[in-house]
Amino acid sequence: MSLTKDIRDLKDAIIENGGVLMGGLVANAADLVITAASAKNIIMTLGANDTSKKLSILDSDSVEVCKIDGNGLITTAAGLAGPTTGTHTGVVAGATTITAATGEDLSLIADGDEDVVVKMGDAAGANKVIFKDSANATMATLDSNGGFDAVVSTAPMQYAHSDTNGAPTNAEAVSAFGAAAAVGAGFIGVYQDDHADGVSYLCVSNGTNYDIFTGVAAA
């Protein structure tokens, strides 16, 4: 087996430097393939276990597009593209959207008894966690004051309206909210009368039927 001149020069350089590769390793007009033996690792050791040293990936114009520093922090020019696994700590530059692979659920999982923490930008209700449907319409929001707003409210509270012309009957409450046994004791429904008086009624399930409380107009 013969060695090309480039490989011989590389071999000689490694031997002359005590087994340490000095300078760059360049593949001309071919892929650069680094392969570990079966069940063996590929190890790249940085000069320090802090942010002062990095593994840098450049494009053909020598512009850095990705780096991994000695603390394990990954920073990319284009943001975070999946899939990602393992433990990630710190800031991923440019990461604004994480999308699950087609046909897969997007799961946020905390190991053991750890929490999943979603932190908003303020503590005064200005920032929100926003839930949207596939048409990009907002279905619900949770603001940083804990205020929840949804297009449709479900048990234990619902809103309904129709022309009852007086306090709704148990049958009308069942029609609006479901059977008292089905929604469960403690369920609260707000029933708005569309009749001329427009009175509101509070419908509370006791698990068997509904107790109806008539609202009083504010002074």
N, C-alpha and C. Protein backbone atom coordinates (compact mmCIF):
# COMPACT_ATOMS: atom_id res chain seq x y z
N MET A 1 0.85 -1.18 0.00
CA MET A 1 0.00 0.00 0.00
C MET A 1 0.89 1.25 0.00
N SER A 2 0.57 2.20 -0.91
CA SER A 2 1.38 3.41 -1.01
C SER A 2 0.61 4.60 -0.46
N LEU A 3 1.33 5.54 0.06
CA LEU A 3 0.74 6.76 0.60
C LEU A 3 0.94 7.90 -0.37
N THR A 4 -0.07 8.74 -0.53
CA THR A 4 0.11 9.92 -1.37
C THR A 4 1.06 10.87 -0.66
N LYS A 5 1.57 11.85 -1.40
CA LYS A 5 2.51 12.80 -0.82
C LYS A 5 1.87 13.58 0.33
N ASP A 6 0.58 13.98 0.16
CA ASP A 6 -0.08 14.75 1.21
C ASP A 6 -0.17 13.95 2.50
N ILE A 7 -0.52 12.68 2.38
CA ILE A 7 -0.66 11.85 3.57
C ILE A 7 0.70 11.58 4.20
N ARG A 8 1.73 11.36 3.34
CA ARG A 8 3.07 11.15 3.89
C ARG A 8 3.54 12.40 4.64
N ASP A 9 3.28 13.58 4.05
CA ASP A 9 3.68 14.82 4.72
C ASP A 9 2.96 14.98 6.04
N LEU A 10 1.66 14.62 6.07
CA LEU A 10 0.90 14.71 7.30
C LEU A 10 1.46 13.75 8.34
N LYS A 11 1.76 12.53 7.90
CA LYS A 11 2.33 11.54 8.83
C LYS A 11 3.65 12.03 9.39
N ASP A 12 4.51 12.57 8.52
CA ASP A 12 5.81 13.05 8.98
C ASP A 12 5.65 14.22 9.96
N ALA A 13 4.65 15.11 9.68
CA ALA A 13 4.43 16.25 10.57
C ALA A 13 3.99 15.78 11.95
N ILE A 14 3.13 14.79 11.98
CA ILE A 14 2.66 14.26 13.27
C ILE A 14 3.82 13.64 14.04
N ILE A 15 4.66 12.86 13.34
CA ILE A 15 5.79 12.20 13.99
C ILE A 15 6.77 13.25 14.52
N GLU A 16 7.05 14.28 13.69
CA GLU A 16 8.02 15.30 14.08
C GLU A 16 7.53 16.11 15.28
N ASN A 17 6.23 16.22 15.45
CA ASN A 17 5.68 17.00 16.56
C ASN A 17 5.25 16.11 17.73
N GLY A 18 5.87 14.96 17.82
CA GLY A 18 5.59 14.09 18.96
C GLY A 18 4.18 13.53 18.98
N GLY A 19 3.62 13.28 17.81
CA GLY A 19 2.28 12.71 17.74
C GLY A 19 1.18 13.74 17.80
N VAL A 20 1.54 15.02 17.81
CA VAL A 20 0.54 16.09 17.88
C VAL A 20 0.40 16.72 16.50
N LEU A 21 -0.84 16.79 16.00
CA LEU A 21 -1.09 17.37 14.69
C LEU A 21 -1.06 18.89 14.80
N MET A 22 -0.18 19.50 14.04
CA MET A 22 -0.06 20.96 14.06
C MET A 22 -0.63 21.52 12.76
N GLY A 23 -1.27 22.70 12.85
CA GLY A 23 -1.78 23.33 11.66
C GLY A 23 -3.11 22.76 11.24
N GLY A 24 -3.54 23.05 9.99
CA GLY A 24 -4.85 22.64 9.52
C GLY A 24 -4.81 21.31 8.80
N LEU A 25 -6.00 20.73 8.66
CA LEU A 25 -6.17 19.48 7.92
C LEU A 25 -7.17 19.79 6.82
N VAL A 26 -6.73 19.71 5.56
CA VAL A 26 -7.55 20.14 4.43
C VAL A 26 -7.73 18.99 3.46
N ALA A 27 -8.99 18.77 3.02
CA ALA A 27 -9.27 17.79 1.98
C ALA A 27 -9.49 18.55 0.68
N ASN A 28 -8.68 18.27 -0.33
CA ASN A 28 -8.80 18.95 -1.61
C ASN A 28 -9.71 18.16 -2.55
N ALA A 29 -10.81 18.83 -3.00
CA ALA A 29 -11.76 18.25 -3.96
C ALA A 29 -12.32 16.91 -3.48
N ALA A 30 -12.52 16.80 -2.19
CA ALA A 30 -13.08 15.56 -1.64
C ALA A 30 -13.69 15.86 -0.28
N ASP A 31 -14.57 14.98 0.18
CA ASP A 31 -15.11 15.12 1.52
C ASP A 31 -14.02 14.83 2.53
N LEU A 32 -14.08 15.51 3.66
CA LEU A 32 -13.18 15.22 4.77
C LEU A 32 -13.95 14.31 5.72
N VAL A 33 -13.58 13.08 5.79
CA VAL A 33 -14.29 12.07 6.57
C VAL A 33 -13.46 11.71 7.80
N ILE A 34 -14.07 11.86 8.97
CA ILE A 34 -13.43 11.46 10.21
C ILE A 34 -14.27 10.33 10.80
N THR A 35 -13.71 9.16 10.91
CA THR A 35 -14.46 7.99 11.33
C THR A 35 -13.79 7.34 12.52
N ALA A 36 -14.57 7.10 13.57
CA ALA A 36 -14.05 6.37 14.72
C ALA A 36 -14.28 4.88 14.52
N ALA A 37 -13.40 4.08 15.09
CA ALA A 37 -13.59 2.64 15.04
C ALA A 37 -14.89 2.26 15.74
N SER A 38 -15.40 1.10 15.43
CA SER A 38 -16.66 0.65 16.01
C SER A 38 -16.63 0.74 17.54
N ALA A 39 -17.69 1.35 18.11
CA ALA A 39 -17.84 1.49 19.56
C ALA A 39 -16.83 2.44 20.18
N LYS A 40 -16.17 3.25 19.34
CA LYS A 40 -15.20 4.23 19.85
C LYS A 40 -15.72 5.64 19.60
N ASN A 41 -15.23 6.59 20.38
CA ASN A 41 -15.67 7.97 20.30
C ASN A 41 -14.76 8.80 19.41
N ILE A 42 -15.29 9.90 18.91
CA ILE A 42 -14.48 10.94 18.30
C ILE A 42 -14.38 12.07 19.33
N ILE A 43 -13.19 12.39 19.73
CA ILE A 43 -12.98 13.36 20.81
C ILE A 43 -12.25 14.58 20.28
N MET A 44 -12.84 15.76 20.52
CA MET A 44 -12.19 17.02 20.23
C MET A 44 -12.08 17.78 21.54
N THR A 45 -10.88 18.10 21.95
CA THR A 45 -10.65 18.74 23.24
C THR A 45 -10.26 20.20 23.03
N LEU A 46 -11.04 21.09 23.64
CA LEU A 46 -10.74 22.52 23.53
C LEU A 46 -9.68 22.91 24.56
N GLY A 47 -9.12 24.09 24.34
CA GLY A 47 -8.01 24.51 25.18
C GLY A 47 -8.39 24.91 26.59
N ALA A 48 -9.67 25.16 26.84
CA ALA A 48 -10.11 25.55 28.18
C ALA A 48 -11.59 25.21 28.32
N ASN A 49 -12.00 24.88 29.55
CA ASN A 49 -13.41 24.57 29.79
C ASN A 49 -14.18 25.83 30.21
N ASP A 50 -14.07 26.86 29.38
CA ASP A 50 -14.80 28.11 29.60
C ASP A 50 -15.10 28.72 28.24
N THR A 51 -15.53 29.96 28.22
CA THR A 51 -15.94 30.58 26.96
C THR A 51 -14.77 31.11 26.14
N SER A 52 -13.54 30.96 26.62
CA SER A 52 -12.39 31.55 25.92
C SER A 52 -11.98 30.74 24.70
N LYS A 53 -12.33 29.46 24.64
CA LYS A 53 -11.98 28.61 23.51
C LYS A 53 -13.25 28.03 22.90
N LYS A 54 -13.21 27.74 21.62
CA LYS A 54 -14.42 27.29 20.97
C LYS A 54 -14.10 26.36 19.80
N LEU A 55 -15.08 25.53 19.46
CA LEU A 55 -15.08 24.78 18.21
C LEU A 55 -15.88 25.63 17.23
N SER A 56 -15.24 26.12 16.18
CA SER A 56 -15.86 27.07 15.28
C SER A 56 -16.12 26.43 13.93
N ILE A 57 -17.32 26.66 13.36
CA ILE A 57 -17.67 26.18 12.03
C ILE A 57 -17.85 27.39 11.13
N LEU A 58 -17.09 27.43 10.03
CA LEU A 58 -17.11 28.57 9.12
C LEU A 58 -17.72 28.18 7.79
N ASP A 59 -18.28 29.17 7.08
CA ASP A 59 -18.74 28.89 5.72
C ASP A 59 -17.57 29.11 4.75
N SER A 60 -17.84 28.98 3.44
CA SER A 60 -16.76 29.06 2.46
C SER A 60 -16.14 30.45 2.37
N ASP A 61 -16.82 31.46 2.94
CA ASP A 61 -16.26 32.81 2.99
C ASP A 61 -15.58 33.10 4.31
N SER A 62 -15.33 32.05 5.09
CA SER A 62 -14.67 32.15 6.39
C SER A 62 -15.47 32.94 7.41
N VAL A 63 -16.79 32.96 7.24
CA VAL A 63 -17.69 33.58 8.21
C VAL A 63 -18.18 32.52 9.18
N GLU A 64 -18.07 32.80 10.47
CA GLU A 64 -18.49 31.82 11.47
C GLU A 64 -20.01 31.69 11.48
N VAL A 65 -20.50 30.47 11.32
CA VAL A 65 -21.95 30.22 11.31
C VAL A 65 -22.39 29.44 12.54
N CYS A 66 -21.46 28.83 13.24
CA CYS A 66 -21.81 28.07 14.45
C CYS A 66 -20.57 27.90 15.31
N LYS A 67 -20.77 27.91 16.62
CA LYS A 67 -19.65 27.66 17.51
C LYS A 67 -20.13 26.94 18.77
N ILE A 68 -19.25 26.15 19.34
CA ILE A 68 -19.48 25.49 20.63
C ILE A 68 -18.33 25.88 21.53
N ASP A 69 -18.63 26.57 22.63
CA ASP A 69 -17.53 27.01 23.48
C ASP A 69 -17.18 25.94 24.51
N GLY A 70 -16.15 26.23 25.30
CA GLY A 70 -15.66 25.26 26.27
C GLY A 70 -16.61 24.96 27.39
N ASN A 71 -17.71 25.73 27.50
CA ASN A 71 -18.76 25.44 28.47
C ASN A 71 -19.89 24.64 27.88
N GLY A 72 -19.79 24.33 26.57
CA GLY A 72 -20.83 23.55 25.92
C GLY A 72 -21.95 24.38 25.33
N LEU A 73 -21.81 25.72 25.34
CA LEU A 73 -22.84 26.60 24.80
C LEU A 73 -22.74 26.62 23.28
N ILE A 74 -23.87 26.33 22.61
CA ILE A 74 -23.94 26.33 21.16
C ILE A 74 -24.57 27.64 20.70
N THR A 75 -23.92 28.34 19.80
CA THR A 75 -24.45 29.57 19.22
C THR A 75 -24.41 29.44 17.71
N THR A 76 -25.55 29.68 17.05
CA THR A 76 -25.61 29.58 15.60
C THR A 76 -26.10 30.88 15.01
N ALA A 77 -25.71 31.13 13.76
CA ALA A 77 -26.13 32.35 13.08
C ALA A 77 -27.60 32.30 12.70
N ALA A 78 -28.12 31.10 12.45
CA ALA A 78 -29.50 30.96 11.94
C ALA A 78 -30.48 30.52 13.00
N GLY A 79 -30.05 30.38 14.25
CA GLY A 79 -30.96 29.94 15.29
C GLY A 79 -30.88 28.44 15.50
N LEU A 80 -31.85 27.92 16.24
CA LEU A 80 -31.85 26.52 16.63
C LEU A 80 -32.73 25.74 15.67
N ALA A 81 -32.19 24.73 15.04
CA ALA A 81 -32.96 23.86 14.14
C ALA A 81 -32.92 22.44 14.68
N GLY A 82 -34.08 21.80 14.77
CA GLY A 82 -34.17 20.49 15.40
C GLY A 82 -33.67 19.37 14.51
N PRO A 83 -33.70 18.13 15.02
CA PRO A 83 -34.07 17.85 16.41
C PRO A 83 -32.89 18.07 17.35
N THR A 84 -33.18 18.41 18.60
CA THR A 84 -32.13 18.55 19.60
C THR A 84 -32.41 17.60 20.75
N THR A 85 -31.37 17.06 21.32
CA THR A 85 -31.51 16.14 22.44
C THR A 85 -30.51 16.52 23.51
N GLY A 86 -30.67 15.92 24.67
CA GLY A 86 -29.72 16.16 25.73
C GLY A 86 -30.06 17.37 26.57
N THR A 87 -29.10 17.87 27.27
CA THR A 87 -29.29 19.00 28.18
C THR A 87 -28.74 20.26 27.56
N HIS A 88 -29.57 21.33 27.55
CA HIS A 88 -29.16 22.59 26.95
C HIS A 88 -29.29 23.69 27.99
N THR A 89 -28.21 24.39 28.21
CA THR A 89 -28.19 25.46 29.20
C THR A 89 -27.65 26.72 28.56
N GLY A 90 -28.23 27.86 28.91
CA GLY A 90 -27.74 29.12 28.40
C GLY A 90 -28.57 29.63 27.24
N VAL A 91 -28.03 30.57 26.50
CA VAL A 91 -28.76 31.25 25.43
C VAL A 91 -28.35 30.67 24.09
N VAL A 92 -29.34 30.30 23.27
CA VAL A 92 -29.07 29.89 21.90
C VAL A 92 -29.40 31.09 21.02
N ALA A 93 -28.40 31.70 20.44
CA ALA A 93 -28.60 32.95 19.71
C ALA A 93 -29.55 32.74 18.54
N GLY A 94 -30.51 33.63 18.40
CA GLY A 94 -31.41 33.60 17.25
C GLY A 94 -32.53 32.59 17.33
N ALA A 95 -32.63 31.83 18.41
CA ALA A 95 -33.66 30.80 18.50
C ALA A 95 -34.99 31.43 18.86
N THR A 96 -35.91 31.47 17.92
CA THR A 96 -37.23 32.02 18.18
C THR A 96 -38.33 31.00 17.95
N THR A 97 -38.06 29.97 17.18
CA THR A 97 -39.08 28.97 16.85
C THR A 97 -38.49 27.58 16.96
N ILE A 98 -39.19 26.72 17.68
CA ILE A 98 -38.82 25.31 17.74
C ILE A 98 -39.99 24.53 17.16
N THR A 99 -39.77 23.77 16.10
CA THR A 99 -40.82 23.05 15.40
C THR A 99 -40.55 21.56 15.46
N ALA A 100 -41.57 20.79 15.84
CA ALA A 100 -41.41 19.35 15.88
C ALA A 100 -41.38 18.79 14.47
N ALA A 101 -40.71 17.67 14.29
CA ALA A 101 -40.67 17.01 13.00
C ALA A 101 -42.09 16.63 12.57
N THR A 102 -42.30 16.57 11.25
CA THR A 102 -43.63 16.25 10.72
C THR A 102 -44.14 14.94 11.31
N GLY A 103 -45.37 14.97 11.80
CA GLY A 103 -45.98 13.76 12.35
C GLY A 103 -45.59 13.46 13.78
N GLU A 104 -44.85 14.37 14.40
CA GLU A 104 -44.41 14.15 15.78
C GLU A 104 -44.99 15.23 16.69
N ASP A 105 -45.32 14.83 17.93
CA ASP A 105 -45.72 15.81 18.93
C ASP A 105 -44.51 16.61 19.38
N LEU A 106 -44.73 17.86 19.74
CA LEU A 106 -43.68 18.67 20.36
C LEU A 106 -43.85 18.54 21.87
N SER A 107 -42.92 17.87 22.51
CA SER A 107 -43.03 17.59 23.94
C SER A 107 -41.94 18.32 24.70
N LEU A 108 -42.34 18.97 25.79
CA LEU A 108 -41.39 19.56 26.74
C LEU A 108 -41.45 18.71 28.00
N ILE A 109 -40.40 17.99 28.29
CA ILE A 109 -40.42 17.00 29.36
C ILE A 109 -39.33 17.31 30.38
N ALA A 110 -39.72 17.39 31.64
CA ALA A 110 -38.76 17.54 32.72
C ALA A 110 -38.54 16.17 33.36
N ASP A 111 -37.29 15.82 33.60
CA ASP A 111 -36.99 14.53 34.20
C ASP A 111 -37.46 14.49 35.66
N GLY A 112 -37.86 13.31 36.09
CA GLY A 112 -38.19 13.09 37.49
C GLY A 112 -39.24 14.05 37.99
N ASP A 113 -38.96 14.70 39.12
CA ASP A 113 -39.93 15.62 39.71
C ASP A 113 -39.56 17.08 39.45
N GLU A 114 -38.80 17.32 38.38
CA GLU A 114 -38.40 18.69 38.05
C GLU A 114 -39.54 19.43 37.35
N ASP A 115 -39.49 20.76 37.39
CA ASP A 115 -40.51 21.59 36.80
C ASP A 115 -40.19 21.91 35.34
N VAL A 116 -41.22 22.21 34.56
CA VAL A 116 -41.07 22.86 33.26
C VAL A 116 -41.36 24.34 33.49
N VAL A 117 -40.40 25.20 33.22
CA VAL A 117 -40.53 26.62 33.54
C VAL A 117 -40.63 27.42 32.24
N VAL A 118 -41.71 28.18 32.10
CA VAL A 118 -41.86 29.12 30.99
C VAL A 118 -41.84 30.52 31.59
N LYS A 119 -40.82 31.28 31.28
CA LYS A 119 -40.64 32.59 31.91
C LYS A 119 -40.93 33.69 30.91
N MET A 120 -41.83 34.59 31.27
CA MET A 120 -42.19 35.70 30.39
C MET A 120 -41.33 36.92 30.67
N GLY A 121 -41.39 37.88 29.77
CA GLY A 121 -40.46 39.02 29.81
C GLY A 121 -40.72 40.05 30.88
N ASP A 122 -41.91 40.04 31.47
CA ASP A 122 -42.18 41.02 32.51
C ASP A 122 -43.05 40.39 33.60
N ALA A 123 -43.40 41.19 34.62
CA ALA A 123 -44.25 40.69 35.71
C ALA A 123 -45.45 41.59 35.89
N ALA A 124 -45.91 42.23 34.80
CA ALA A 124 -47.00 43.19 34.91
C ALA A 124 -48.11 42.93 33.91
N GLY A 125 -48.16 41.73 33.35
CA GLY A 125 -49.24 41.38 32.45
C GLY A 125 -49.04 41.79 31.01
N ALA A 126 -47.90 42.42 30.69
CA ALA A 126 -47.68 42.88 29.32
C ALA A 126 -47.29 41.75 28.38
N ASN A 127 -46.59 40.75 28.90
CA ASN A 127 -46.17 39.63 28.08
C ASN A 127 -47.08 38.42 28.30
N LYS A 128 -47.18 37.58 27.26
CA LYS A 128 -48.13 36.48 27.31
C LYS A 128 -47.54 35.20 26.72
N VAL A 129 -48.05 34.08 27.19
CA VAL A 129 -47.93 32.82 26.48
C VAL A 129 -49.17 32.73 25.60
N ILE A 130 -48.97 32.59 24.30
CA ILE A 130 -50.07 32.65 23.34
C ILE A 130 -50.25 31.29 22.68
N PHE A 131 -51.49 30.79 22.66
CA PHE A 131 -51.82 29.53 22.02
C PHE A 131 -52.57 29.82 20.72
N LYS A 132 -52.04 29.30 19.61
CA LYS A 132 -52.66 29.55 18.32
C LYS A 132 -53.04 28.23 17.64
N ASP A 133 -54.06 28.31 16.74
CA ASP A 133 -54.42 27.13 15.97
C ASP A 133 -53.59 27.09 14.69
N SER A 134 -53.86 26.10 13.83
CA SER A 134 -53.05 25.92 12.63
C SER A 134 -53.24 27.05 11.62
N ALA A 135 -54.31 27.84 11.78
CA ALA A 135 -54.54 28.99 10.91
C ALA A 135 -53.95 30.26 11.50
N ASN A 136 -53.16 30.12 12.57
CA ASN A 136 -52.47 31.23 13.23
C ASN A 136 -53.43 32.15 14.00
N ALA A 137 -54.64 31.67 14.29
CA ALA A 137 -55.59 32.46 15.08
C ALA A 137 -55.35 32.18 16.56
N THR A 138 -55.38 33.24 17.38
CA THR A 138 -55.16 33.09 18.81
C THR A 138 -56.37 32.43 19.47
N MET A 139 -56.15 31.32 20.15
CA MET A 139 -57.20 30.60 20.84
C MET A 139 -57.25 30.91 22.33
N ALA A 140 -56.07 31.20 22.92
CA ALA A 140 -56.01 31.50 24.35
C ALA A 140 -54.70 32.19 24.65
N THR A 141 -54.71 32.97 25.73
CA THR A 141 -53.48 33.62 26.20
C THR A 141 -53.40 33.51 27.71
N LEU A 142 -52.18 33.45 28.21
CA LEU A 142 -51.91 33.49 29.65
C LEU A 142 -50.87 34.58 29.86
N ASP A 143 -51.28 35.68 30.52
CA ASP A 143 -50.34 36.79 30.67
C ASP A 143 -49.48 36.63 31.92
N SER A 144 -48.49 37.51 32.06
CA SER A 144 -47.52 37.40 33.15
C SER A 144 -48.06 37.87 34.49
N ASN A 145 -49.35 38.22 34.54
CA ASN A 145 -50.04 38.44 35.81
C ASN A 145 -50.88 37.23 36.20
N GLY A 146 -50.87 36.20 35.35
CA GLY A 146 -51.68 35.02 35.60
C GLY A 146 -53.07 35.10 35.01
N GLY A 147 -53.35 36.16 34.25
CA GLY A 147 -54.66 36.30 33.64
C GLY A 147 -54.81 35.39 32.44
N PHE A 148 -55.89 34.60 32.41
CA PHE A 148 -56.13 33.65 31.33
C PHE A 148 -57.32 34.09 30.51
N ASP A 149 -57.17 34.09 29.21
CA ASP A 149 -58.25 34.51 28.31
C ASP A 149 -58.34 33.49 27.19
N ALA A 150 -59.52 32.91 26.98
CA ALA A 150 -59.70 31.90 25.95
C ALA A 150 -60.91 32.21 25.10
N VAL A 151 -60.86 31.78 23.85
CA VAL A 151 -62.00 31.96 22.95
C VAL A 151 -63.20 31.18 23.46
N VAL A 152 -62.95 29.97 23.95
CA VAL A 152 -64.01 29.12 24.48
C VAL A 152 -63.62 28.69 25.89
N SER A 153 -64.49 28.96 26.86
CA SER A 153 -64.24 28.51 28.23
C SER A 153 -64.95 27.17 28.44
N THR A 154 -64.30 26.27 29.10
CA THR A 154 -64.88 24.96 29.40
C THR A 154 -64.96 24.77 30.90
N ALA A 155 -65.59 23.67 31.31
CA ALA A 155 -65.75 23.39 32.74
C ALA A 155 -64.41 23.60 33.45
N PRO A 156 -64.45 24.17 34.67
CA PRO A 156 -65.63 24.34 35.53
C PRO A 156 -66.38 25.65 35.34
N MET A 157 -66.25 26.32 34.20
CA MET A 157 -67.03 27.54 34.00
C MET A 157 -67.33 27.70 32.51
N GLN A 158 -68.60 28.04 32.21
CA GLN A 158 -68.98 28.29 30.83
C GLN A 158 -69.94 29.47 30.76
N TYR A 159 -70.06 30.01 29.58
CA TYR A 159 -71.00 31.11 29.33
C TYR A 159 -71.99 30.67 28.26
N ALA A 160 -73.26 31.00 28.43
CA ALA A 160 -74.30 30.70 27.45
C ALA A 160 -75.31 31.83 27.41
N HIS A 161 -76.06 31.91 26.35
CA HIS A 161 -77.12 32.92 26.28
C HIS A 161 -78.24 32.45 25.35
N SER A 162 -79.43 32.86 25.67
CA SER A 162 -80.61 32.64 24.83
C SER A 162 -81.75 33.46 25.43
N ASP A 163 -82.89 33.48 24.75
CA ASP A 163 -84.05 34.22 25.23
C ASP A 163 -84.85 33.33 26.17
N THR A 164 -84.53 33.40 27.48
CA THR A 164 -85.24 32.58 28.47
C THR A 164 -86.47 33.30 29.01
N ASN A 165 -86.50 34.64 28.86
CA ASN A 165 -87.61 35.44 29.37
C ASN A 165 -87.85 35.12 30.85
N GLY A 166 -86.77 35.25 31.63
CA GLY A 166 -86.84 34.93 33.05
C GLY A 166 -85.74 33.95 33.40
N ALA A 167 -85.70 33.56 34.65
CA ALA A 167 -84.66 32.62 35.09
C ALA A 167 -84.73 31.34 34.28
N PRO A 168 -83.61 30.82 33.82
CA PRO A 168 -83.63 29.58 33.05
C PRO A 168 -84.09 28.41 33.90
N THR A 169 -84.80 27.51 33.28
CA THR A 169 -85.22 26.30 33.98
C THR A 169 -84.04 25.34 34.06
N ASN A 170 -84.21 24.30 34.85
CA ASN A 170 -83.17 23.28 34.93
C ASN A 170 -82.92 22.68 33.55
N ALA A 171 -84.02 22.47 32.79
CA ALA A 171 -83.89 21.90 31.45
C ALA A 171 -83.10 22.82 30.53
N GLU A 172 -83.32 24.14 30.65
CA GLU A 172 -82.57 25.09 29.83
C GLU A 172 -81.10 25.13 30.23
N ALA A 173 -80.83 25.01 31.52
CA ALA A 173 -79.43 24.96 31.97
C ALA A 173 -78.75 23.70 31.46
N VAL A 174 -79.49 22.57 31.49
CA VAL A 174 -78.93 21.31 30.97
C VAL A 174 -78.65 21.45 29.48
N SER A 175 -79.58 22.09 28.74
CA SER A 175 -79.38 22.29 27.30
C SER A 175 -78.15 23.16 27.02
N ALA A 176 -77.92 24.14 27.88
CA ALA A 176 -76.80 25.07 27.67
C ALA A 176 -75.46 24.49 28.10
N PHE A 177 -75.44 23.78 29.24
CA PHE A 177 -74.16 23.38 29.84
C PHE A 177 -73.94 21.86 29.91
N GLY A 178 -75.01 21.09 29.77
CA GLY A 178 -74.91 19.65 29.98
C GLY A 178 -75.55 19.25 31.29
N ALA A 179 -75.80 17.97 31.46
CA ALA A 179 -76.43 17.48 32.69
C ALA A 179 -75.58 17.81 33.90
N ALA A 180 -76.24 18.13 35.01
CA ALA A 180 -75.52 18.49 36.24
C ALA A 180 -74.59 17.37 36.68
N ALA A 181 -75.03 16.14 36.51
CA ALA A 181 -74.19 14.99 36.90
C ALA A 181 -72.96 14.90 36.00
N ALA A 182 -73.12 15.31 34.73
CA ALA A 182 -72.00 15.20 33.78
C ALA A 182 -70.94 16.28 34.03
N VAL A 183 -71.38 17.51 34.31
CA VAL A 183 -70.41 18.59 34.54
C VAL A 183 -69.84 18.53 35.95
N GLY A 184 -70.55 17.90 36.86
CA GLY A 184 -70.05 17.71 38.21
C GLY A 184 -70.45 18.81 39.17
N ALA A 185 -70.47 18.46 40.44
CA ALA A 185 -70.80 19.43 41.48
C ALA A 185 -69.74 20.53 41.51
N GLY A 186 -70.20 21.77 41.64
CA GLY A 186 -69.29 22.91 41.69
C GLY A 186 -69.12 23.61 40.36
N PHE A 187 -69.63 22.98 39.29
CA PHE A 187 -69.57 23.64 37.99
C PHE A 187 -70.35 24.97 38.04
N ILE A 188 -69.81 26.00 37.39
CA ILE A 188 -70.46 27.31 37.36
C ILE A 188 -70.72 27.70 35.91
N GLY A 189 -71.96 28.06 35.62
CA GLY A 189 -72.30 28.55 34.31
C GLY A 189 -72.93 29.93 34.42
N VAL A 190 -72.56 30.83 33.55
CA VAL A 190 -73.17 32.16 33.50
C VAL A 190 -74.12 32.19 32.32
N TYR A 191 -75.41 32.42 32.59
CA TYR A 191 -76.45 32.39 31.57
C TYR A 191 -76.97 33.80 31.35
N GLN A 192 -76.83 34.33 30.16
CA GLN A 192 -77.30 35.67 29.82
C GLN A 192 -78.65 35.57 29.12
N ASP A 193 -79.68 36.24 29.67
CA ASP A 193 -81.01 36.25 29.06
C ASP A 193 -81.03 37.27 27.93
N ASP A 194 -81.33 36.83 26.72
CA ASP A 194 -81.39 37.73 25.57
C ASP A 194 -82.71 38.50 25.49
N HIS A 195 -83.58 38.27 26.48
CA HIS A 195 -84.86 38.98 26.48
C HIS A 195 -84.62 40.47 26.73
N ALA A 196 -85.67 41.23 26.69
CA ALA A 196 -85.55 42.69 26.79
C ALA A 196 -84.88 43.14 28.07
N ASP A 197 -85.08 42.40 29.17
CA ASP A 197 -84.48 42.83 30.44
C ASP A 197 -82.99 42.51 30.50
N GLY A 198 -82.51 41.53 29.72
CA GLY A 198 -81.09 41.21 29.65
C GLY A 198 -80.46 40.82 30.97
N VAL A 199 -81.20 40.15 31.83
CA VAL A 199 -80.68 39.79 33.15
C VAL A 199 -79.72 38.60 33.02
N SER A 200 -78.69 38.57 33.88
CA SER A 200 -77.76 37.45 33.94
C SER A 200 -78.10 36.54 35.10
N TYR A 201 -77.81 35.24 34.92
CA TYR A 201 -78.10 34.25 35.94
C TYR A 201 -76.85 33.38 36.17
N LEU A 202 -76.62 33.07 37.42
CA LEU A 202 -75.52 32.19 37.80
C LEU A 202 -76.10 30.81 38.02
N CYS A 203 -75.61 29.81 37.26
CA CYS A 203 -76.12 28.44 37.34
C CYS A 203 -75.03 27.57 37.95
N VAL A 204 -75.29 27.02 39.14
CA VAL A 204 -74.32 26.23 39.86
C VAL A 204 -74.82 24.80 39.98
N SER A 205 -74.00 23.85 39.50
CA SER A 205 -74.38 22.44 39.57
C SER A 205 -74.10 21.89 40.97
N ASN A 206 -75.08 21.16 41.51
CA ASN A 206 -74.84 20.44 42.76
C ASN A 206 -74.63 18.95 42.52
N GLY A 207 -74.48 18.61 41.24
CA GLY A 207 -74.24 17.21 40.88
C GLY A 207 -75.52 16.47 40.52
N THR A 208 -76.67 17.05 40.87
CA THR A 208 -77.96 16.44 40.55
C THR A 208 -78.78 17.35 39.65
N ASN A 209 -78.84 18.63 40.02
CA ASN A 209 -79.51 19.64 39.20
C ASN A 209 -78.79 20.96 39.37
N TYR A 210 -79.38 22.03 38.82
CA TYR A 210 -78.76 23.34 38.88
C TYR A 210 -79.48 24.25 39.87
N ASP A 211 -78.71 24.98 40.67
CA ASP A 211 -79.24 26.07 41.48
C ASP A 211 -79.06 27.35 40.68
N ILE A 212 -80.13 28.14 40.57
CA ILE A 212 -80.12 29.34 39.74
C ILE A 212 -80.16 30.58 40.63
N PHE A 213 -79.18 31.49 40.41
CA PHE A 213 -79.12 32.74 41.16
C PHE A 213 -79.29 33.90 40.17
N THR A 214 -80.22 34.79 40.48
CA THR A 214 -80.51 35.91 39.59
C THR A 214 -79.60 37.10 39.90
N GLY A 215 -79.02 37.65 38.87
CA GLY A 215 -78.17 38.81 39.03
C GLY A 215 -78.97 40.07 39.28
N VAL A 216 -78.38 41.00 39.96
CA VAL A 216 -79.00 42.28 40.25
C VAL A 216 -78.23 43.37 39.51
N ALA A 217 -78.95 44.21 38.80
CA ALA A 217 -78.29 45.28 38.03
C ALA A 217 -77.55 46.23 38.96
N ALA A 218 -76.38 46.62 38.53
CA ALA A 218 -75.58 47.56 39.32
C ALA A 218 -76.26 48.93 39.35
N ALA A 219 -76.06 49.61 40.47
CA ALA A 219 -76.67 50.95 40.60
C ALA A 219 -75.97 51.93 39.69
